Amino acid sequence: MSGQSGSVALTLHLALLSILSFGGIPSVLPDIRNYVVAANGWLTDRQFANVFAIAQTLPGPNMILMMSLIGWKVGGLPTAISSALAIFGPPCTIYYFAYRPWDRFRHAPWQRVARRGLAPVTIGLILGGGTVMARAADTNWQSATVTMIAAAVILWVRVNPLWILIAAGAAGALELV
């Protein structure tokens, strides 16, 4: 798909995923990667990983920025705008209309059970997204080593992930990776 049909397909796909995502867009990154890279070939794995890295370093709503960058690659400025709207428009509309009923039953036992059940689902989906991003970025043993070191440092040292991104970026700039 290319041109306008690709732009419409991307926008509709992102709108659907934004409705289905728990914990935000990172929980559906594997599907977005599959759709953009494997199914349609709009980006390579390396480009997808680079867009993700760029979006993570920019201030603001990084997943909206990431989808805008992907939309830009697929169909220029109009698709960048529609991709951004597709990411936050549908869930914001649902939240707006669902808030009052959800708040009305805030003390109901079923609501507590639903919240407890969604927490592990969200964590699992986000870990799956991280795995997909690591696979897309790890094209050789050096980059795989950087990913493993970064994960270990984040888990055991509890350092701000921005420092990990800066260190990995410096390693790339020095052509160590």
Protein backbone atom coordinates (compact mmCIF):
# COMPACT_ATOMS: atom_id res chain seq x y z
CA MET A 1 0.00 0.00 0.00
CA SER A 2 1.21 3.45 -0.77
CA GLY A 3 -0.10 6.95 -1.18
CA GLN A 4 -3.51 7.83 0.12
CA SER A 5 -4.66 4.24 0.70
CA GLY A 6 -1.60 3.59 2.87
CA SER A 7 -2.25 6.77 4.83
CA VAL A 8 -5.88 5.86 5.47
CA ALA A 9 -4.97 2.28 6.38
CA LEU A 10 -2.30 3.44 8.82
CA THR A 11 -4.62 5.97 10.45
CA LEU A 12 -7.43 3.43 10.88
CA HIS A 13 -5.05 0.80 12.23
CA LEU A 14 -3.60 3.23 14.77
CA ALA A 15 -7.09 4.36 15.82
CA LEU A 16 -8.10 0.74 16.46
CA LEU A 17 -4.92 0.00 18.40
CA SER A 18 -5.30 3.14 20.50
CA ILE A 19 -8.70 1.88 21.63
CA LEU A 20 -7.35 -1.59 22.44
CA SER A 21 -4.18 -0.54 24.24
CA PHE A 22 -3.87 -0.90 28.00
CA GLY A 23 -1.09 1.17 29.52
CA GLY A 24 -0.73 3.33 26.46
CA ILE A 25 0.75 2.78 23.03
CA PRO A 26 3.87 0.91 24.27
CA SER A 27 1.59 -2.02 25.02
CA VAL A 28 0.72 -2.38 21.32
CA LEU A 29 4.16 -1.56 19.86
CA PRO A 30 4.63 -5.17 18.67
CA ASP A 31 1.53 -4.87 16.49
CA ILE A 32 2.50 -1.42 15.22
CA ARG A 33 5.97 -2.70 14.33
CA ASN A 34 4.49 -5.71 12.56
CA TYR A 35 2.06 -3.54 10.60
CA VAL A 36 4.55 -0.84 9.63
CA VAL A 37 7.66 -2.98 9.06
CA ALA A 38 6.69 -6.57 8.29
CA ALA A 39 3.27 -6.22 6.65
CA ASN A 40 3.70 -3.02 4.65
CA GLY A 41 7.45 -2.34 4.51
CA TRP A 42 7.04 1.39 5.14
CA LEU A 43 10.02 1.33 7.52
CA THR A 44 12.86 -1.08 8.19
CA ASP A 45 13.50 -2.49 11.64
CA ARG A 46 16.40 -0.06 12.02
CA GLN A 47 14.24 2.92 11.00
CA PHE A 48 11.50 1.83 13.40
CA ALA A 49 14.01 1.56 16.26
CA ASN A 50 15.45 4.97 15.33
CA VAL A 51 12.01 6.59 15.29
CA PHE A 52 11.33 5.07 18.70
CA ALA A 53 14.66 6.36 20.06
CA ILE A 54 14.06 9.86 18.67
CA ALA A 55 10.56 9.98 20.15
CA GLN A 56 11.86 8.85 23.55
CA THR A 57 14.39 11.67 23.70
CA LEU A 58 11.95 14.43 22.75
CA PRO A 59 9.94 16.20 25.43
CA GLY A 60 6.20 15.79 25.45
CA PRO A 61 3.89 12.92 24.55
CA ASN A 62 6.48 10.64 23.00
CA MET A 63 4.20 7.97 21.52
CA ILE A 64 2.12 10.60 19.76
CA LEU A 65 5.37 11.98 18.38
CA MET A 66 6.48 8.51 17.31
CA MET A 67 3.25 7.84 15.45
CA SER A 68 3.54 11.28 13.83
CA LEU A 69 7.04 10.43 12.60
CA ILE A 70 5.79 7.12 11.19
CA GLY A 71 2.86 8.91 9.57
CA TRP A 72 5.27 11.46 8.07
CA LYS A 73 7.28 8.63 6.52
CA VAL A 74 4.16 6.97 5.09
CA GLY A 75 2.30 9.97 3.70
CA GLY A 76 3.85 13.29 4.68
CA LEU A 77 2.35 16.00 6.87
CA PRO A 78 -1.36 15.06 6.46
CA THR A 79 -0.66 11.48 7.55
CA ALA A 80 1.55 12.68 10.41
CA ILE A 81 -1.34 14.77 11.73
CA SER A 82 -3.96 12.04 11.22
CA SER A 83 -1.68 9.47 12.89
CA ALA A 84 -1.29 11.70 15.94
CA LEU A 85 -5.04 12.27 16.13
CA ALA A 86 -5.68 8.54 15.72
CA ILE A 87 -3.50 7.80 18.73
CA PHE A 88 -5.15 10.11 21.25
CA GLY A 89 -8.56 10.96 19.77
CA PRO A 90 -10.47 7.67 20.17
CA PRO A 91 -9.28 6.81 23.70
CA CYS A 92 -9.84 10.38 24.93
CA THR A 93 -13.39 10.25 23.58
CA ILE A 94 -14.01 6.91 25.31
CA TYR A 95 -12.53 8.16 28.58
CA TYR A 96 -14.64 11.28 28.44
CA PHE A 97 -17.89 9.33 28.14
CA ALA A 98 -16.87 6.47 30.46
CA TYR A 99 -15.66 8.57 33.38
CA ARG A 100 -19.05 9.28 34.98
CA PRO A 101 -20.29 5.67 34.95
CA TRP A 102 -16.88 4.44 36.15
CA ASP A 103 -16.83 7.01 38.95
CA ARG A 104 -20.41 6.23 39.89
CA PHE A 105 -19.45 2.61 40.64
CA ARG A 106 -16.00 3.36 42.10
CA HIS A 107 -16.76 1.41 45.29
CA ALA A 108 -18.21 -1.63 43.53
CA PRO A 109 -16.26 -4.87 44.07
CA TRP A 110 -16.15 -5.64 40.35
CA GLN A 111 -14.26 -2.40 39.70
CA ARG A 112 -11.51 -3.31 42.16
CA VAL A 113 -11.21 -6.75 40.53
CA ALA A 114 -11.03 -5.18 37.07
CA ARG A 115 -8.24 -2.81 38.13
CA ARG A 116 -6.26 -5.62 39.73
CA GLY A 117 -6.66 -7.77 36.64
CA LEU A 118 -5.61 -5.06 34.21
CA ALA A 119 -2.34 -4.27 36.00
CA PRO A 120 -0.54 -7.54 35.09
CA VAL A 121 -2.00 -7.44 31.58
CA THR A 122 -0.59 -3.94 31.09
CA ILE A 123 2.82 -4.92 32.45
CA GLY A 124 2.97 -7.96 30.17
CA LEU A 125 2.01 -5.94 27.11
CA ILE A 126 4.62 -3.29 27.85
CA LEU A 127 7.32 -5.94 28.37
CA GLY A 128 6.30 -7.47 25.04
CA GLY A 129 6.70 -4.07 23.40
CA GLY A 130 10.15 -3.69 24.93
CA THR A 131 11.14 -7.10 23.60
CA VAL A 132 10.04 -6.16 20.08
CA MET A 133 11.98 -2.89 20.26
CA ALA A 134 15.09 -4.71 21.48
CA ARG A 135 14.84 -7.21 18.62
CA ALA A 136 14.40 -4.41 16.08
CA ALA A 137 17.41 -2.50 17.41
CA ASP A 138 19.75 -5.42 18.02
CA THR A 139 21.22 -6.05 14.59
CA ASN A 140 24.61 -7.34 15.78
CA TRP A 141 26.28 -8.66 18.90
CA GLN A 142 27.48 -5.21 19.96
CA SER A 143 24.01 -3.67 19.99
CA ALA A 144 22.61 -6.77 21.74
CA THR A 145 25.29 -6.35 24.41
CA VAL A 146 24.36 -2.69 24.87
CA THR A 147 20.69 -3.69 25.27
CA MET A 148 21.52 -6.31 27.90
CA ILE A 149 23.78 -3.92 29.83
CA ALA A 150 21.14 -1.17 29.67
CA ALA A 151 18.43 -3.53 30.96
CA ALA A 152 20.68 -4.73 33.80
CA VAL A 153 21.61 -1.19 34.82
CA ILE A 154 17.99 -0.06 34.82
CA LEU A 155 16.85 -3.07 36.84
CA TRP A 156 19.62 -3.17 39.43
CA VAL A 157 21.05 0.33 39.70
CA ARG A 158 17.77 2.23 39.28
CA VAL A 159 19.27 4.98 37.14
CA ASN A 160 17.17 7.34 35.04
CA PRO A 161 16.68 5.73 31.58
CA LEU A 162 17.68 9.02 29.94
CA TRP A 163 21.26 8.43 31.10
CA ILE A 164 21.17 5.01 29.46
CA LEU A 165 19.97 6.58 26.20
CA ILE A 166 22.73 9.19 26.36
CA ALA A 167 25.39 6.53 27.01
CA ALA A 168 24.09 4.31 24.19
CA GLY A 169 23.92 7.30 21.85
CA ALA A 170 27.51 8.21 22.72
CA ALA A 171 28.61 4.63 22.05
CA GLY A 172 26.90 4.83 18.66
CA ALA A 173 28.44 8.21 17.87
CA LEU A 174 31.89 6.82 18.69
CA GLU A 175 31.07 3.86 16.40
CA LEU A 176 31.47 1.37 19.23
CA VAL A 177 28.13 -0.18 18.34
